[in-house]
Amino acid sequence: MTVAALAAAVSILPFAIAAAPAGLAYDSILKFSMNGDASSQQPGDFDKDFAAAAAVQGPDLGGGGGLFAQIHQAEARAKEMQQLMQTGFAERHYVAGAKERTDNLSMQTATIVDCAARTITRLDLRHKTYKTESMDQPSTSSGGGSGSSGAPTRDDDMRVAIKVSNTALGSRDVGGQPSSGYRSDMTITETSNSGESQTQNGNMVAYYSSYANPAANCSRMGAPSGPNGQMGTAMMGNFVQLMRALASSGMDRRFTISQSGPPLPLGKLAMFSAATFTGGRGSGMTLVTERGNVRSISASDPVFGIPSDFTQQQ
């Protein structure tokens, strides 16, 4: 499974809670660094970084074709991936009431989740087409965006225990917002009902704003869009499992967390986060998320609708 095919978006990370009544919109950049130390990553110039990431456009590969066409498509994908690994993946996020939309600027796709209607709509912004699926039926889509998948997550037998040691890093402006920074050293243990367990260590640096982190309350946990490959997929799975546990502590019996040092401001929107895992899948790679351009949005905003010039796909 590719990362893009995994469910949910960066918009539910790092801590997913019910959306604030007013709703929020923000831009983000998702990066992968081969430097296996989160503490080496620090916030930069968000506007500059976002412009560079948004400028990298994936090729319109189309479909079909003979052998030479397929070779050309593979070469185009490889070139695009190389560029995106350098600049990051630019996304725009909109969350208000029971609705959530995520736009992948590089791939020119978008996903709209409507919790009230229990639908997931995937838009091809380049070709002006869309397809709507029910959350209550298995998803037949391979992705194309970083929204929630229609397929339910089957992980009821897994228990996750996290021990976190935190250090305060002080305050600074990040992405145009006053933020408080923390470094967290973590031990994460996953245990199944059969008693089999796996433990890995991780560290995370994050700067949290005063905004409540928005997510439509029917969003399923998963991983944001990103590059293909087992290493990237494993890394995203580790990261999402951690954030899901932090978000669900005290509300879901499957997840427990104990903290020492200054407690993390759980439930706040992180303007910057960098996480590295060791001793497990995806070791030696750091996932970095930057956010900026935070603004209010309402559930009636046209961005949650399907443009009138888009054609429905069956």
C-alpha atoms as a PDB file:
ATOM      1  CA  MET A   1       0.000   0.000   0.000  1.00  0.00           C
ATOM      2  CA  THR A   2       1.259   3.445  -0.878  1.00  0.00           C
ATOM      3  CA  VAL A   3       1.156   6.349   1.536  1.00  0.00           C
ATOM      4  CA  ALA A   4      -1.284   8.180  -0.727  1.00  0.00           C
ATOM      5  CA  ALA A   5      -3.688   5.248  -0.447  1.00  0.00           C
ATOM      6  CA  LEU A   6      -3.730   5.343   3.349  1.00  0.00           C
ATOM      7  CA  ALA A   7      -6.689   7.052   5.014  1.00  0.00           C
ATOM      8  CA  ALA A   8      -6.953  10.580   6.428  1.00  0.00           C
ATOM      9  CA  ALA A   9      -4.910  13.657   6.168  1.00  0.00           C
ATOM     10  CA  VAL A  10      -2.323  15.822   7.792  1.00  0.00           C
ATOM     11  CA  SER A  11      -5.268  17.892   8.843  1.00  0.00           C
ATOM     12  CA  ILE A  12      -6.002  15.470  11.670  1.00  0.00           C
ATOM     13  CA  LEU A  13      -2.438  15.551  12.923  1.00  0.00           C
ATOM     14  CA  PRO A  14      -0.946  15.786  15.383  1.00  0.00           C
ATOM     15  CA  PHE A  15      -4.001  15.700  17.655  1.00  0.00           C
ATOM     16  CA  ALA A  16      -7.498  15.061  16.276  1.00  0.00           C
ATOM     17  CA  ILE A  17     -10.436  16.484  18.203  1.00  0.00           C
ATOM     18  CA  ALA A  18     -13.872  17.787  17.298  1.00  0.00           C
ATOM     19  CA  ALA A  19     -13.790  20.795  15.018  1.00  0.00           C
ATOM     20  CA  ALA A  20     -14.137  24.240  16.542  1.00  0.00           C
ATOM     21  CA  PRO A  21     -17.537  25.828  15.722  1.00  0.00           C
ATOM     22  CA  ALA A  22     -15.975  28.632  13.671  1.00  0.00           C
ATOM     23  CA  GLY A  23     -13.732  26.271  11.709  1.00  0.00           C
ATOM     24  CA  LEU A  24     -10.174  26.773  10.519  1.00  0.00           C
ATOM     25  CA  ALA A  25      -8.304  26.765   7.235  1.00  0.00           C
ATOM     26  CA  TYR A  26      -4.530  26.527   6.950  1.00  0.00           C
ATOM     27  CA  ASP A  27      -1.750  25.536   4.574  1.00  0.00           C
ATOM     28  CA  SER A  28       0.833  22.854   5.261  1.00  0.00           C
ATOM     29  CA  ILE A  29       4.013  21.257   3.966  1.00  0.00           C
ATOM     30  CA  LEU A  30       4.895  17.605   4.549  1.00  0.00           C
ATOM     31  CA  LYS A  31       8.579  16.713   4.282  1.00  0.00           C
ATOM     32  CA  PHE A  32      10.705  13.614   4.724  1.00  0.00           C
ATOM     33  CA  SER A  33      14.280  13.965   5.956  1.00  0.00           C
ATOM     34  CA  MET A  34      16.857  11.167   5.991  1.00  0.00           C
ATOM     35  CA  ASN A  35      18.412  12.799   9.053  1.00  0.00           C
ATOM     36  CA  GLY A  36      17.212  10.496  11.827  1.00  0.00           C
ATOM     37  CA  ASP A  37      17.114  13.143  14.551  1.00  0.00           C
ATOM     38  CA  ALA A  38      14.000  15.246  14.996  1.00  0.00           C
ATOM     39  CA  SER A  39      15.829  17.747  17.192  1.00  0.00           C
ATOM     40  CA  SER A  40      17.952  18.787  14.209  1.00  0.00           C
ATOM     41  CA  GLN A  41      14.814  20.077  12.452  1.00  0.00           C
ATOM     42  CA  GLN A  42      13.637  23.608  13.208  1.00  0.00           C
ATOM     43  CA  PRO A  43      10.916  25.881  11.803  1.00  0.00           C
ATOM     44  CA  GLY A  44      11.914  27.937   8.772  1.00  0.00           C
ATOM     45  CA  ASP A  45      10.304  30.597   6.607  1.00  0.00           C
ATOM     46  CA  PHE A  46       6.883  29.056   5.983  1.00  0.00           C
ATOM     47  CA  ASP A  47       5.820  31.368   3.137  1.00  0.00           C
ATOM     48  CA  LYS A  48       9.055  30.676   1.257  1.00  0.00           C
ATOM     49  CA  ASP A  49       8.922  26.926   1.890  1.00  0.00           C
ATOM     50  CA  PHE A  50       5.256  26.678   0.888  1.00  0.00           C
ATOM     51  CA  ALA A  51       5.792  28.604  -2.355  1.00  0.00           C
ATOM     52  CA  ALA A  52       8.660  26.262  -3.300  1.00  0.00           C
ATOM     53  CA  ALA A  53       6.608  23.134  -2.558  1.00  0.00           C
ATOM     54  CA  ALA A  54       3.486  24.398  -4.342  1.00  0.00           C
ATOM     55  CA  ALA A  55       5.521  25.219  -7.453  1.00  0.00           C
ATOM     56  CA  VAL A  56       6.332  21.530  -8.033  1.00  0.00           C
ATOM     57  CA  GLN A  57       3.484  20.126 -10.129  1.00  0.00           C
ATOM     58  CA  GLY A  58       3.071  16.438 -10.804  1.00  0.00           C
ATOM     59  CA  PRO A  59       2.862  15.456 -14.475  1.00  0.00           C
ATOM     60  CA  ASP A  60      -0.462  14.643 -16.096  1.00  0.00           C
ATOM     61  CA  LEU A  61       0.279  10.983 -16.691  1.00  0.00           C
ATOM     62  CA  GLY A  62      -3.106  10.018 -18.046  1.00  0.00           C
ATOM     63  CA  GLY A  63      -3.699   6.328 -18.553  1.00  0.00           C
ATOM     64  CA  GLY A  64      -3.199   3.524 -21.008  1.00  0.00           C
ATOM     65  CA  GLY A  65      -0.571   3.595 -23.733  1.00  0.00           C
ATOM     66  CA  GLY A  66       1.951   1.052 -24.839  1.00  0.00           C
ATOM     67  CA  LEU A  67       5.292   0.031 -23.378  1.00  0.00           C
ATOM     68  CA  PHE A  68       7.082   3.268 -24.292  1.00  0.00           C
ATOM     69  CA  ALA A  69       4.252   5.348 -22.810  1.00  0.00           C
ATOM     70  CA  GLN A  70       4.497   3.380 -19.565  1.00  0.00           C
ATOM     71  CA  ILE A  71       8.268   3.885 -19.450  1.00  0.00           C
ATOM     72  CA  HIS A  72       7.754   7.615 -19.963  1.00  0.00           C
ATOM     73  CA  GLN A  73       5.197   7.685 -17.138  1.00  0.00           C
ATOM     74  CA  ALA A  74       7.586   5.872 -14.793  1.00  0.00           C
ATOM     75  CA  GLU A  75      10.368   8.325 -15.606  1.00  0.00           C
ATOM     76  CA  ALA A  76       8.026  11.276 -15.020  1.00  0.00           C
ATOM     77  CA  ARG A  77       6.938   9.850 -11.660  1.00  0.00           C
ATOM     78  CA  ALA A  78      10.543   9.344 -10.575  1.00  0.00           C
ATOM     79  CA  LYS A  79      11.491  12.903 -11.546  1.00  0.00           C
ATOM     80  CA  GLU A  80       8.458  14.313  -9.758  1.00  0.00           C
ATOM     81  CA  MET A  81       9.196  12.297  -6.619  1.00  0.00           C
ATOM     82  CA  GLN A  82      12.784  13.505  -6.561  1.00  0.00           C
ATOM     83  CA  GLN A  83      11.610  17.117  -6.718  1.00  0.00           C
ATOM     84  CA  LEU A  84       8.927  16.608  -4.070  1.00  0.00           C
ATOM     85  CA  MET A  85      11.346  14.943  -1.676  1.00  0.00           C
ATOM     86  CA  GLN A  86      13.462  18.086  -1.862  1.00  0.00           C
ATOM     87  CA  THR A  87      10.690  20.667  -1.528  1.00  0.00           C
ATOM     88  CA  GLY A  88       7.955  18.791   0.367  1.00  0.00           C
ATOM     89  CA  PHE A  89       4.269  18.223  -0.389  1.00  0.00           C
ATOM     90  CA  ALA A  90       2.096  21.349  -0.327  1.00  0.00           C
ATOM     91  CA  GLU A  91      -1.473  21.005   0.928  1.00  0.00           C
ATOM     92  CA  ARG A  92      -4.396  23.258   1.853  1.00  0.00           C
ATOM     93  CA  HIS A  93      -6.771  22.256   4.655  1.00  0.00           C
ATOM     94  CA  TYR A  94     -10.292  23.388   5.473  1.00  0.00           C
ATOM     95  CA  VAL A  95     -12.269  22.121   8.482  1.00  0.00           C
ATOM     96  CA  ALA A  96     -15.613  23.457   9.733  1.00  0.00           C
ATOM     97  CA  GLY A  97     -18.547  21.785  11.424  1.00  0.00           C
ATOM     98  CA  ALA A  98     -18.960  18.292   9.975  1.00  0.00           C
ATOM     99  CA  LYS A  99     -16.918  19.005   6.836  1.00  0.00           C
ATOM    100  CA  GLU A 100     -13.244  18.650   6.010  1.00  0.00           C
ATOM    101  CA  ARG A 101     -11.399  19.278   2.756  1.00  0.00           C
ATOM    102  CA  THR A 102      -7.743  18.697   1.878  1.00  0.00           C
ATOM    103  CA  ASP A 103      -6.136  19.854  -1.389  1.00  0.00           C
ATOM    104  CA  ASN A 104      -2.914  18.300  -2.638  1.00  0.00           C
ATOM    105  CA  LEU A 105      -1.421  21.105  -4.721  1.00  0.00           C
ATOM    106  CA  SER A 106       1.311  19.000  -6.310  1.00  0.00           C
ATOM    107  CA  MET A 107      -1.035  16.293  -7.564  1.00  0.00           C
ATOM    108  CA  GLN A 108      -3.938  18.685  -8.242  1.00  0.00           C
ATOM    109  CA  THR A 109      -6.407  16.579  -6.271  1.00  0.00           C
ATOM    110  CA  ALA A 110      -8.753  17.258  -3.357  1.00  0.00           C
ATOM    111  CA  THR A 111     -10.779  15.200  -0.910  1.00  0.00           C
ATOM    112  CA  ILE A 112     -13.957  16.404   0.816  1.00  0.00           C
ATOM    113  CA  VAL A 113     -15.271  14.523   3.850  1.00  0.00           C
ATOM    114  CA  ASP A 114     -18.856  15.252   4.940  1.00  0.00           C
ATOM    115  CA  CYS A 115     -19.565  13.593   8.278  1.00  0.00           C
ATOM    116  CA  ALA A 116     -23.266  14.510   8.263  1.00  0.00           C
ATOM    117  CA  ALA A 117     -23.834  13.030   4.797  1.00  0.00           C
ATOM    118  CA  ARG A 118     -21.251  10.290   5.505  1.00  0.00           C
ATOM    119  CA  THR A 119     -19.675  10.780   2.106  1.00  0.00           C
ATOM    120  CA  ILE A 120     -16.154  11.129   0.769  1.00  0.00           C
ATOM    121  CA  THR A 121     -15.761  13.051  -2.480  1.00  0.00           C
ATOM    122  CA  ARG A 122     -12.510  12.955  -4.449  1.00  0.00           C
ATOM    123  CA  LEU A 123     -11.883  15.718  -6.945  1.00  0.00           C
ATOM    124  CA  ASP A 124      -9.466  15.726  -9.870  1.00  0.00           C
ATOM    125  CA  LEU A 125      -8.784  19.451 -10.102  1.00  0.00           C
ATOM    126  CA  ARG A 126      -6.792  19.104 -13.295  1.00  0.00           C
ATOM    127  CA  HIS A 127      -9.469  17.290 -15.298  1.00  0.00           C
ATOM    128  CA  LYS A 128     -12.471  18.762 -13.416  1.00  0.00           C
ATOM    129  CA  THR A 129     -13.998  15.443 -12.461  1.00  0.00           C
ATOM    130  CA  TYR A 130     -15.179  14.011  -9.144  1.00  0.00           C
ATOM    131  CA  LYS A 131     -16.348  10.787  -7.542  1.00  0.00           C
ATOM    132  CA  THR A 132     -18.391  10.406  -4.345  1.00  0.00           C
ATOM    133  CA  GLU A 133     -18.321   7.319  -2.110  1.00  0.00           C
ATOM    134  CA  SER A 134     -20.221   6.353   1.035  1.00  0.00           C
ATOM    135  CA  MET A 135     -18.228   6.000   4.260  1.00  0.00           C
ATOM    136  CA  ASP A 136     -20.312   2.937   5.032  1.00  0.00           C
ATOM    137  CA  GLN A 137     -19.050   1.008   2.017  1.00  0.00           C
ATOM    138  CA  PRO A 138     -15.519  -0.234   1.291  1.00  0.00           C
ATOM    139  CA  SER A 139     -13.491   2.290  -0.682  1.00  0.00           C
ATOM    140  CA  THR A 140     -12.667   1.426  -4.285  1.00  0.00           C
ATOM    141  CA  SER A 141     -10.422   4.444  -4.752  1.00  0.00           C
ATOM    142  CA  SER A 142      -6.653   4.161  -4.703  1.00  0.00           C
ATOM    143  CA  GLY A 143      -6.248   7.587  -3.206  1.00  0.00           C
ATOM    144  CA  GLY A 144      -5.323  10.678  -5.156  1.00  0.00           C
ATOM    145  CA  GLY A 145      -5.639  12.889  -2.116  1.00  0.00           C
ATOM    146  CA  SER A 146      -5.048  12.880   1.584  1.00  0.00           C
ATOM    147  CA  GLY A 147      -8.577  12.619   2.830  1.00  0.00           C
ATOM    148  CA  SER A 148     -10.224   9.838   4.798  1.00  0.00           C
ATOM    149  CA  SER A 149     -10.666   6.417   3.285  1.00  0.00           C
ATOM    150  CA  GLY A 150     -14.022   4.717   3.097  1.00  0.00           C
ATOM    151  CA  ALA A 151     -12.530   1.474   4.363  1.00  0.00           C
ATOM    152  CA  PRO A 152     -12.890   1.021   8.125  1.00  0.00           C
ATOM    153  CA  THR A 153      -9.754   0.591  10.188  1.00  0.00           C
ATOM    154  CA  ARG A 154      -9.510  -2.871  11.744  1.00  0.00           C
ATOM    155  CA  ASP A 155      -7.294  -2.458  14.807  1.00  0.00           C
ATOM    156  CA  ASP A 156      -9.602  -3.241  17.733  1.00  0.00           C
ATOM    157  CA  ASP A 157      -7.220  -5.841  19.169  1.00  0.00           C
ATOM    158  CA  MET A 158      -4.247  -3.467  19.467  1.00  0.00           C
ATOM    159  CA  ARG A 159      -3.269  -1.667  22.668  1.00  0.00           C
ATOM    160  CA  VAL A 160      -0.793   1.205  22.608  1.00  0.00           C
ATOM    161  CA  ALA A 161       1.081   2.483  25.663  1.00  0.00           C
ATOM    162  CA  ILE A 162       3.320   5.543  25.403  1.00  0.00           C
ATOM    163  CA  LYS A 163       5.774   6.941  27.908  1.00  0.00           C
ATOM    164  CA  VAL A 164       6.782  10.528  27.143  1.00  0.00           C
ATOM    165  CA  SER A 165       9.498  12.691  28.678  1.00  0.00           C
ATOM    166  CA  ASN A 166       9.058  16.357  27.730  1.00  0.00           C
ATOM    167  CA  THR A 167      11.361  19.360  27.732  1.00  0.00           C
ATOM    168  CA  ALA A 168      10.117  22.892  27.120  1.00  0.00           C
ATOM    169  CA  LEU A 169      11.866  24.762  24.291  1.00  0.00           C
ATOM    170  CA  GLY A 170      10.354  28.197  24.906  1.00  0.00           C
ATOM    171  CA  SER A 171       8.193  30.436  22.755  1.00  0.00           C
ATOM    172  CA  ARG A 172       8.638  31.671  19.186  1.00  0.00           C
ATOM    173  CA  ASP A 173       6.570  32.783  16.210  1.00  0.00           C
ATOM    174  CA  VAL A 174       6.045  29.902  13.768  1.00  0.00           C
ATOM    175  CA  GLY A 175       4.013  30.208  10.580  1.00  0.00           C
ATOM    176  CA  GLY A 176       2.820  33.618  11.695  1.00  0.00           C
ATOM    177  CA  GLN A 177       1.508  32.375  15.062  1.00  0.00           C
ATOM    178  CA  PRO A 178       2.875  32.634  18.633  1.00  0.00           C
ATOM    179  CA  SER A 179       3.834  29.071  19.571  1.00  0.00           C
ATOM    180  CA  SER A 180       5.253  27.092  22.500  1.00  0.00           C
ATOM    181  CA  GLY A 181       7.905  24.475  21.747  1.00  0.00           C
ATOM    182  CA  TYR A 182       8.550  21.053  23.281  1.00  0.00           C
ATOM    183  CA  ARG A 183      10.927  18.179  22.729  1.00  0.00           C
ATOM    184  CA  SER A 184       9.446  14.762  23.556  1.00  0.00           C
ATOM    185  CA  ASP A 185      11.415  11.528  23.985  1.00  0.00           C
ATOM    186  CA  MET A 186       9.055   8.570  23.703  1.00  0.00           C
ATOM    187  CA  THR A 187       8.817   4.825  24.199  1.00  0.00           C
ATOM    188  CA  ILE A 188       5.894   3.293  22.319  1.00  0.00           C
ATOM    189  CA  THR A 189       4.675  -0.258  23.025  1.00  0.00           C
ATOM    190  CA  GLU A 190       2.000  -1.927  20.914  1.00  0.00           C
ATOM    191  CA  THR A 191       0.416  -5.104  22.337  1.00  0.00           C
ATOM    192  CA  SER A 192      -2.138  -7.359  20.652  1.00  0.00           C
ATOM    193  CA  ASN A 193      -4.783  -9.477  22.410  1.00  0.00           C
ATOM    194  CA  SER A 194      -2.582 -12.510  21.834  1.00  0.00           C
ATOM    195  CA  GLY A 195       0.127 -10.893  23.970  1.00  0.00           C
ATOM    196  CA  GLU A 196       2.565 -10.169  21.164  1.00  0.00           C
ATOM    197  CA  SER A 197       4.199  -6.779  21.581  1.00  0.00           C
ATOM    198  CA  GLN A 198       6.528  -4.449  19.722  1.00  0.00           C
ATOM    199  CA  THR A 199       8.408  -1.543  21.273  1.00  0.00           C
ATOM    200  CA  GLN A 200      10.121   1.332  19.552  1.00  0.00           C
ATOM    201  CA  ASN A 201      11.555   4.647  20.579  1.00  0.00           C
ATOM    202  CA  GLY A 202      10.991   8.042  19.067  1.00  0.00           C
ATOM    203  CA  ASN A 203      11.581  11.704  19.563  1.00  0.00           C
ATOM    204  CA  MET A 204       9.544  14.676  18.471  1.00  0.00           C
ATOM    205  CA  VAL A 205      10.014  18.436  18.355  1.00  0.00           C
ATOM    206  CA  ALA A 206       6.830  20.483  18.024  1.00  0.00           C
ATOM    207  CA  TYR A 207       5.635  24.077  18.380  1.00  0.00           C
ATOM    208  CA  TYR A 208       1.981  24.442  19.377  1.00  0.00           C
ATOM    209  CA  SER A 209      -0.308  27.397  18.742  1.00  0.00           C
ATOM    210  CA  SER A 210      -3.272  28.500  20.866  1.00  0.00           C
ATOM    211  CA  TYR A 211      -5.732  27.194  18.229  1.00  0.00           C
ATOM    212  CA  ALA A 212      -7.659  24.007  18.920  1.00  0.00           C
ATOM    213  CA  ASN A 213      -6.604  21.476  16.301  1.00  0.00           C
ATOM    214  CA  PRO A 214      -9.596  21.057  13.975  1.00  0.00           C
ATOM    215  CA  ALA A 215     -10.903  17.793  12.581  1.00  0.00           C
ATOM    216  CA  ALA A 216     -14.380  16.765  11.513  1.00  0.00           C
ATOM    217  CA  ASN A 217     -15.431  14.346  14.227  1.00  0.00           C
ATOM    218  CA  CYS A 218     -16.032  11.402  11.881  1.00  0.00           C
ATOM    219  CA  SER A 219     -12.482  11.491  10.528  1.00  0.00           C
ATOM    220  CA  ARG A 220     -10.738   8.162  10.727  1.00  0.00           C
ATOM    221  CA  MET A 221      -7.124   7.987  11.742  1.00  0.00           C
ATOM    222  CA  GLY A 222      -4.637   7.286   9.008  1.00  0.00           C
ATOM    223  CA  ALA A 223      -1.735   8.873   7.236  1.00  0.00           C
ATOM    224  CA  PRO A 224      -1.375  11.921   5.095  1.00  0.00           C
ATOM    225  CA  SER A 225      -0.448  11.801   1.461  1.00  0.00           C
ATOM    226  CA  GLY A 226       3.180  11.517   0.533  1.00  0.00           C
ATOM    227  CA  PRO A 227       5.745   9.521  -1.391  1.00  0.00           C
ATOM    228  CA  ASN A 228       5.363   5.888  -2.251  1.00  0.00           C
ATOM    229  CA  GLY A 229       7.484   3.120  -0.882  1.00  0.00           C
ATOM    230  CA  GLN A 230       7.583   0.831   2.141  1.00  0.00           C
ATOM    231  CA  MET A 231       9.835   3.108   4.176  1.00  0.00           C
ATOM    232  CA  GLY A 232       7.576   6.120   3.750  1.00  0.00           C
ATOM    233  CA  THR A 233       4.441   4.062   4.420  1.00  0.00           C
ATOM    234  CA  ALA A 234       5.912   2.529   7.579  1.00  0.00           C
ATOM    235  CA  MET A 235       7.065   5.900   8.818  1.00  0.00           C
ATOM    236  CA  MET A 236       3.615   7.394   8.276  1.00  0.00           C
ATOM    237  CA  GLY A 237       1.992   4.434  10.028  1.00  0.00           C
ATOM    238  CA  ASN A 238       4.240   4.902  13.062  1.00  0.00           C
ATOM    239  CA  PHE A 239       3.606   8.639  13.166  1.00  0.00           C
ATOM    240  CA  VAL A 240      -0.156   8.303  12.875  1.00  0.00           C
ATOM    241  CA  GLN A 241      -0.296   5.561  15.510  1.00  0.00           C
ATOM    242  CA  LEU A 242       1.547   7.838  17.914  1.00  0.00           C
ATOM    243  CA  MET A 243      -0.713  10.823  17.239  1.00  0.00           C
ATOM    244  CA  ARG A 244      -3.826   8.702  17.462  1.00  0.00           C
ATOM    245  CA  ALA A 245      -2.750   7.451  20.880  1.00  0.00           C
ATOM    246  CA  LEU A 246      -1.987  10.952  22.134  1.00  0.00           C
ATOM    247  CA  ALA A 247      -5.312  12.243  20.879  1.00  0.00           C
ATOM    248  CA  SER A 248      -7.304   9.364  22.364  1.00  0.00           C
ATOM    249  CA  SER A 249      -5.659   9.206  25.782  1.00  0.00           C
ATOM    250  CA  GLY A 250      -8.360   9.160  28.446  1.00  0.00           C
ATOM    251  CA  MET A 251     -11.126   8.628  25.859  1.00  0.00           C
ATOM    252  CA  ASP A 252     -10.216   5.270  24.306  1.00  0.00           C
ATOM    253  CA  ARG A 253      -9.232   2.312  26.473  1.00  0.00           C
ATOM    254  CA  ARG A 254      -6.866   1.077  23.775  1.00  0.00           C
ATOM    255  CA  PHE A 255      -4.517   4.014  24.295  1.00  0.00           C
ATOM    256  CA  THR A 256      -2.659   5.059  27.439  1.00  0.00           C
ATOM    257  CA  ILE A 257      -0.045   7.758  27.897  1.00  0.00           C
ATOM    258  CA  SER A 258       2.127   8.795  30.814  1.00  0.00           C
ATOM    259  CA  GLN A 259       4.112  12.038  30.752  1.00  0.00           C
ATOM    260  CA  SER A 260       6.979  13.472  32.754  1.00  0.00           C
ATOM    261  CA  GLY A 261       8.228  17.035  32.581  1.00  0.00           C
ATOM    262  CA  PRO A 262       5.992  19.853  31.317  1.00  0.00           C
ATOM    263  CA  PRO A 263       2.830  18.299  29.809  1.00  0.00           C
ATOM    264  CA  LEU A 264       2.209  18.664  26.089  1.00  0.00           C
ATOM    265  CA  PRO A 265      -0.667  21.001  25.127  1.00  0.00           C
ATOM    266  CA  LEU A 266      -2.763  18.162  23.739  1.00  0.00           C
ATOM    267  CA  GLY A 267      -5.481  19.270  21.370  1.00  0.00           C
ATOM    268  CA  LYS A 268      -3.653  22.340  20.075  1.00  0.00           C
ATOM    269  CA  LEU A 269      -2.703  22.898  16.439  1.00  0.00           C
ATOM    270  CA  ALA A 270       1.026  22.327  15.947  1.00  0.00           C
ATOM    271  CA  MET A 271       2.514  24.910  13.604  1.00  0.00           C
ATOM    272  CA  PHE A 272       5.613  22.732  13.269  1.00  0.00           C
ATOM    273  CA  SER A 273       6.387  19.128  14.160  1.00  0.00           C
ATOM    274  CA  ALA A 274       9.259  16.759  13.425  1.00  0.00           C
ATOM    275  CA  ALA A 275       9.142  13.104  14.509  1.00  0.00           C
ATOM    276  CA  THR A 276      11.724  10.330  14.252  1.00  0.00           C
ATOM    277  CA  PHE A 277      11.343   6.649  15.181  1.00  0.00           C
ATOM    278  CA  THR A 278      14.083   4.122  15.980  1.00  0.00           C
ATOM    279  CA  GLY A 279      14.047   0.427  16.746  1.00  0.00           C
ATOM    280  CA  GLY A 280      11.144  -0.309  14.413  1.00  0.00           C
ATOM    281  CA  ARG A 281       9.760   0.248  10.945  1.00  0.00           C
ATOM    282  CA  GLY A 282      10.826   3.401   9.207  1.00  0.00           C
ATOM    283  CA  SER A 283      13.945   3.879  11.328  1.00  0.00           C
ATOM    284  CA  GLY A 284      16.316   6.652  10.412  1.00  0.00           C
ATOM    285  CA  MET A 285      13.820   8.960   8.729  1.00  0.00           C
ATOM    286  CA  THR A 286      12.229  12.120  10.107  1.00  0.00           C
ATOM    287  CA  LEU A 287       8.766  13.326   9.138  1.00  0.00           C
ATOM    288  CA  VAL A 288       8.403  17.117   9.233  1.00  0.00           C
ATOM    289  CA  THR A 289       5.140  19.071   9.036  1.00  0.00           C
ATOM    290  CA  GLU A 290       5.009  22.864   8.729  1.00  0.00           C
ATOM    291  CA  ARG A 291       1.793  24.911   8.907  1.00  0.00           C
ATOM    292  CA  GLY A 292       0.895  28.520   8.211  1.00  0.00           C
ATOM    293  CA  ASN A 293      -1.723  30.942   6.849  1.00  0.00           C
ATOM    294  CA  VAL A 294      -4.211  30.023   9.590  1.00  0.00           C
ATOM    295  CA  ARG A 295      -7.607  31.652   9.094  1.00  0.00           C
ATOM    296  CA  SER A 296     -11.260  31.206  10.061  1.00  0.00           C
ATOM    297  CA  ILE A 297     -13.750  29.453   7.790  1.00  0.00           C
ATOM    298  CA  SER A 298     -17.433  28.480   8.018  1.00  0.00           C
ATOM    299  CA  ALA A 299     -19.173  25.244   7.079  1.00  0.00           C
ATOM    300  CA  SER A 300     -21.155  27.123   4.422  1.00  0.00           C
ATOM    301  CA  ASP A 301     -18.029  28.156   2.532  1.00  0.00           C
ATOM    302  CA  PRO A 302     -18.170  27.204  -1.186  1.00  0.00           C
ATOM    303  CA  VAL A 303     -14.867  25.355  -0.838  1.00  0.00           C
ATOM    304  CA  PHE A 304     -16.816  22.410   0.647  1.00  0.00           C
ATOM    305  CA  GLY A 305     -19.014  22.147  -2.447  1.00  0.00           C
ATOM    306  CA  ILE A 306     -18.448  20.595  -5.867  1.00  0.00           C
ATOM    307  CA  PRO A 307     -17.836  23.206  -8.600  1.00  0.00           C
ATOM    308  CA  SER A 308     -20.632  23.426 -11.161  1.00  0.00           C
ATOM    309  CA  ASP A 309     -18.256  22.768 -14.068  1.00  0.00           C
ATOM    310  CA  PHE A 310     -17.025  19.418 -12.664  1.00  0.00           C
ATOM    311  CA  THR A 311     -18.231  16.142 -14.189  1.00  0.00           C
ATOM    312  CA  GLN A 312     -19.158  13.161 -12.029  1.00  0.00           C
ATOM    313  CA  GLN A 313     -17.322   9.869 -12.586  1.00  0.00           C
ATOM    314  CA  GLN A 314     -19.113   6.537 -12.127  1.00  0.00           C
END
